[in-house]
Amino acid sequence: MPVLVRKPGALRNGAPFKDWMLPGALERVRRKLAGSNDGDRQMVAILAAVLTDGLGEVEAACAGALAEGVSSADVILNILARRRDPPPVAAILTPAALALRHAPVADCARYDTLRRP
């Protein structure tokens, strides 16, 4: 992967990658990206995500992006990031017994007493 990151054209022209069979969704993304100018670079970014997220997760993200009609590396990496992040925490309701009866009053003049005359 480090060589591909430095030289993404090797993905298209390198001998080890000529007859490389990728799992279904990854192969479809590779074919779609082959027509764009930076398709090799985008495909390398997707393949680099396999090292951190695993092949199954990356393939599922590719399948999700293809289902939406998109094959961009940015979208696929975004899907992976959203799956990696935990869901937002539910809001905690304040019990009535803990609710403020009197709203605090902001008095910035108190800070003037901290200055030495």
C-alpha atoms as a PDB file:
ATOM      1  CA  MET A   1       0.000   0.000   0.000  1.00  0.00           C
ATOM      2  CA  PRO A   2       2.731   2.574   0.689  1.00  0.00           C
ATOM      3  CA  VAL A   3       3.978   2.191  -2.893  1.00  0.00           C
ATOM      4  CA  LEU A   4       0.460   2.638  -4.276  1.00  0.00           C
ATOM      5  CA  VAL A   5      -0.075   5.764  -2.181  1.00  0.00           C
ATOM      6  CA  ARG A   6       3.085   7.312  -3.640  1.00  0.00           C
ATOM      7  CA  LYS A   7       2.459   6.051  -7.188  1.00  0.00           C
ATOM      8  CA  PRO A   8      -1.267   5.430  -7.778  1.00  0.00           C
ATOM      9  CA  GLY A   9      -0.643   4.806 -11.494  1.00  0.00           C
ATOM     10  CA  ALA A  10       0.889   1.474 -10.514  1.00  0.00           C
ATOM     11  CA  LEU A  11      -2.626   0.264  -9.822  1.00  0.00           C
ATOM     12  CA  ARG A  12      -3.434   0.614 -13.512  1.00  0.00           C
ATOM     13  CA  ASN A  13      -0.047  -0.278 -15.004  1.00  0.00           C
ATOM     14  CA  GLY A  14       1.588  -2.540 -12.413  1.00  0.00           C
ATOM     15  CA  ALA A  15       2.007  -6.209 -13.266  1.00  0.00           C
ATOM     16  CA  PRO A  16       0.737  -7.485  -9.872  1.00  0.00           C
ATOM     17  CA  PHE A  17      -2.534  -5.633 -10.360  1.00  0.00           C
ATOM     18  CA  LYS A  18      -3.320  -6.601 -13.981  1.00  0.00           C
ATOM     19  CA  ASP A  19      -5.499  -9.629 -13.236  1.00  0.00           C
ATOM     20  CA  TRP A  20      -6.324  -8.643  -9.685  1.00  0.00           C
ATOM     21  CA  MET A  21      -9.767  -9.879  -8.699  1.00  0.00           C
ATOM     22  CA  LEU A  22     -11.447  -7.696  -6.099  1.00  0.00           C
ATOM     23  CA  PRO A  23     -14.690  -8.506  -4.262  1.00  0.00           C
ATOM     24  CA  GLY A  24     -17.875  -7.543  -6.135  1.00  0.00           C
ATOM     25  CA  ALA A  25     -18.584  -4.003  -4.920  1.00  0.00           C
ATOM     26  CA  LEU A  26     -14.918  -2.985  -4.943  1.00  0.00           C
ATOM     27  CA  GLU A  27     -14.545  -4.245  -8.512  1.00  0.00           C
ATOM     28  CA  ARG A  28     -17.607  -2.267  -9.645  1.00  0.00           C
ATOM     29  CA  VAL A  29     -16.222   0.879  -7.998  1.00  0.00           C
ATOM     30  CA  ARG A  30     -12.844   0.286  -9.666  1.00  0.00           C
ATOM     31  CA  ARG A  31     -14.502  -0.012 -13.080  1.00  0.00           C
ATOM     32  CA  LYS A  32     -16.506   3.176 -12.524  1.00  0.00           C
ATOM     33  CA  LEU A  33     -13.456   5.109 -11.330  1.00  0.00           C
ATOM     34  CA  ALA A  34     -11.343   3.899 -14.269  1.00  0.00           C
ATOM     35  CA  GLY A  35     -12.958   6.498 -16.520  1.00  0.00           C
ATOM     36  CA  SER A  36     -12.126   9.537 -14.375  1.00  0.00           C
ATOM     37  CA  ASN A  37      -8.883  11.510 -14.350  1.00  0.00           C
ATOM     38  CA  ASP A  38      -8.047  10.771 -10.721  1.00  0.00           C
ATOM     39  CA  GLY A  39      -9.658   7.334 -10.596  1.00  0.00           C
ATOM     40  CA  ASP A  40      -6.429   5.572  -9.655  1.00  0.00           C
ATOM     41  CA  ARG A  41      -5.815   7.949  -6.756  1.00  0.00           C
ATOM     42  CA  GLN A  42      -9.381   7.530  -5.508  1.00  0.00           C
ATOM     43  CA  MET A  43      -9.163   3.738  -5.748  1.00  0.00           C
ATOM     44  CA  VAL A  44      -5.905   3.731  -3.795  1.00  0.00           C
ATOM     45  CA  ALA A  45      -7.574   5.806  -1.056  1.00  0.00           C
ATOM     46  CA  ILE A  46     -10.391   3.243  -0.882  1.00  0.00           C
ATOM     47  CA  LEU A  47      -7.947   0.329  -0.781  1.00  0.00           C
ATOM     48  CA  ALA A  48      -5.928   2.061   1.951  1.00  0.00           C
ATOM     49  CA  ALA A  49      -9.074   2.071   4.095  1.00  0.00           C
ATOM     50  CA  VAL A  50      -9.000  -1.747   4.066  1.00  0.00           C
ATOM     51  CA  LEU A  51      -5.955  -1.602   6.367  1.00  0.00           C
ATOM     52  CA  THR A  52      -7.873   0.292   9.053  1.00  0.00           C
ATOM     53  CA  ASP A  53     -11.502  -0.755   8.575  1.00  0.00           C
ATOM     54  CA  GLY A  54     -11.236  -4.245   7.107  1.00  0.00           C
ATOM     55  CA  LEU A  55     -12.251  -5.650   3.753  1.00  0.00           C
ATOM     56  CA  GLY A  56     -15.848  -6.416   4.754  1.00  0.00           C
ATOM     57  CA  GLU A  57     -16.537  -2.878   5.956  1.00  0.00           C
ATOM     58  CA  VAL A  58     -14.989  -1.278   2.882  1.00  0.00           C
ATOM     59  CA  GLU A  59     -16.932  -3.555   0.561  1.00  0.00           C
ATOM     60  CA  ALA A  60     -20.160  -2.763   2.419  1.00  0.00           C
ATOM     61  CA  ALA A  61     -19.418   0.971   2.138  1.00  0.00           C
ATOM     62  CA  CYS A  62     -18.763   0.562  -1.599  1.00  0.00           C
ATOM     63  CA  ALA A  63     -22.043  -1.327  -2.001  1.00  0.00           C
ATOM     64  CA  GLY A  64     -23.876   1.412  -0.098  1.00  0.00           C
ATOM     65  CA  ALA A  65     -22.359   4.138  -2.271  1.00  0.00           C
ATOM     66  CA  LEU A  66     -23.160   2.241  -5.460  1.00  0.00           C
ATOM     67  CA  ALA A  67     -26.753   1.768  -4.289  1.00  0.00           C
ATOM     68  CA  GLU A  68     -26.997   5.560  -4.108  1.00  0.00           C
ATOM     69  CA  GLY A  69     -25.469   5.909  -7.583  1.00  0.00           C
ATOM     70  CA  VAL A  70     -22.143   7.324  -6.364  1.00  0.00           C
ATOM     71  CA  SER A  71     -18.657   5.903  -6.755  1.00  0.00           C
ATOM     72  CA  SER A  72     -16.473   8.646  -5.278  1.00  0.00           C
ATOM     73  CA  ALA A  73     -13.740   7.826  -2.776  1.00  0.00           C
ATOM     74  CA  ASP A  74     -14.819  10.777  -0.640  1.00  0.00           C
ATOM     75  CA  VAL A  75     -18.320   9.362  -0.299  1.00  0.00           C
ATOM     76  CA  ILE A  76     -17.078   5.858   0.488  1.00  0.00           C
ATOM     77  CA  LEU A  77     -14.602   7.128   3.089  1.00  0.00           C
ATOM     78  CA  ASN A  78     -17.360   9.273   4.595  1.00  0.00           C
ATOM     79  CA  ILE A  79     -19.612   6.220   4.913  1.00  0.00           C
ATOM     80  CA  LEU A  80     -16.784   4.380   6.664  1.00  0.00           C
ATOM     81  CA  ALA A  81     -16.166   7.282   9.035  1.00  0.00           C
ATOM     82  CA  ARG A  82     -19.850   7.517   9.948  1.00  0.00           C
ATOM     83  CA  ARG A  83     -19.953   3.799  10.709  1.00  0.00           C
ATOM     84  CA  ARG A  84     -16.821   4.129  12.834  1.00  0.00           C
ATOM     85  CA  ASP A  85     -18.119   7.018  14.949  1.00  0.00           C
ATOM     86  CA  PRO A  86     -20.494   6.195  17.786  1.00  0.00           C
ATOM     87  CA  PRO A  87     -24.084   7.434  17.484  1.00  0.00           C
ATOM     88  CA  PRO A  88     -24.936  10.693  19.268  1.00  0.00           C
ATOM     89  CA  VAL A  89     -25.723  10.414  22.948  1.00  0.00           C
ATOM     90  CA  ALA A  90     -29.369  10.772  23.918  1.00  0.00           C
ATOM     91  CA  ALA A  91     -30.266  13.989  25.719  1.00  0.00           C
ATOM     92  CA  ILE A  92     -30.697  13.783  29.477  1.00  0.00           C
ATOM     93  CA  LEU A  93     -33.905  15.293  30.771  1.00  0.00           C
ATOM     94  CA  THR A  94     -33.573  17.457  33.877  1.00  0.00           C
ATOM     95  CA  PRO A  95     -35.920  16.403  36.682  1.00  0.00           C
ATOM     96  CA  ALA A  96     -38.278  19.097  37.952  1.00  0.00           C
ATOM     97  CA  ALA A  97     -36.608  19.032  41.369  1.00  0.00           C
ATOM     98  CA  LEU A  98     -33.296  20.112  39.785  1.00  0.00           C
ATOM     99  CA  ALA A  99     -34.693  22.899  37.606  1.00  0.00           C
ATOM    100  CA  LEU A 100     -33.577  26.445  38.439  1.00  0.00           C
ATOM    101  CA  ARG A 101     -36.185  28.585  40.167  1.00  0.00           C
ATOM    102  CA  HIS A 102     -34.305  31.848  39.597  1.00  0.00           C
ATOM    103  CA  ALA A 103     -32.208  32.362  36.529  1.00  0.00           C
ATOM    104  CA  PRO A 104     -28.665  33.555  37.335  1.00  0.00           C
ATOM    105  CA  VAL A 105     -27.935  37.203  36.631  1.00  0.00           C
ATOM    106  CA  ALA A 106     -24.727  38.007  34.815  1.00  0.00           C
ATOM    107  CA  ASP A 107     -22.878  40.759  36.676  1.00  0.00           C
ATOM    108  CA  CYS A 108     -19.581  41.530  34.997  1.00  0.00           C
ATOM    109  CA  ALA A 109     -18.969  44.456  37.335  1.00  0.00           C
ATOM    110  CA  ARG A 110     -17.744  41.944  39.917  1.00  0.00           C
ATOM    111  CA  TYR A 111     -14.600  41.463  37.858  1.00  0.00           C
ATOM    112  CA  ASP A 112     -13.735  45.122  38.262  1.00  0.00           C
ATOM    113  CA  THR A 113     -13.187  44.485  41.970  1.00  0.00           C
ATOM    114  CA  LEU A 114     -10.370  42.079  41.098  1.00  0.00           C
ATOM    115  CA  ARG A 115      -8.274  44.797  39.498  1.00  0.00           C
ATOM    116  CA  ARG A 116      -5.860  46.625  41.740  1.00  0.00           C
ATOM    117  CA  PRO A 117      -6.379  50.373  41.798  1.00  0.00           C
END
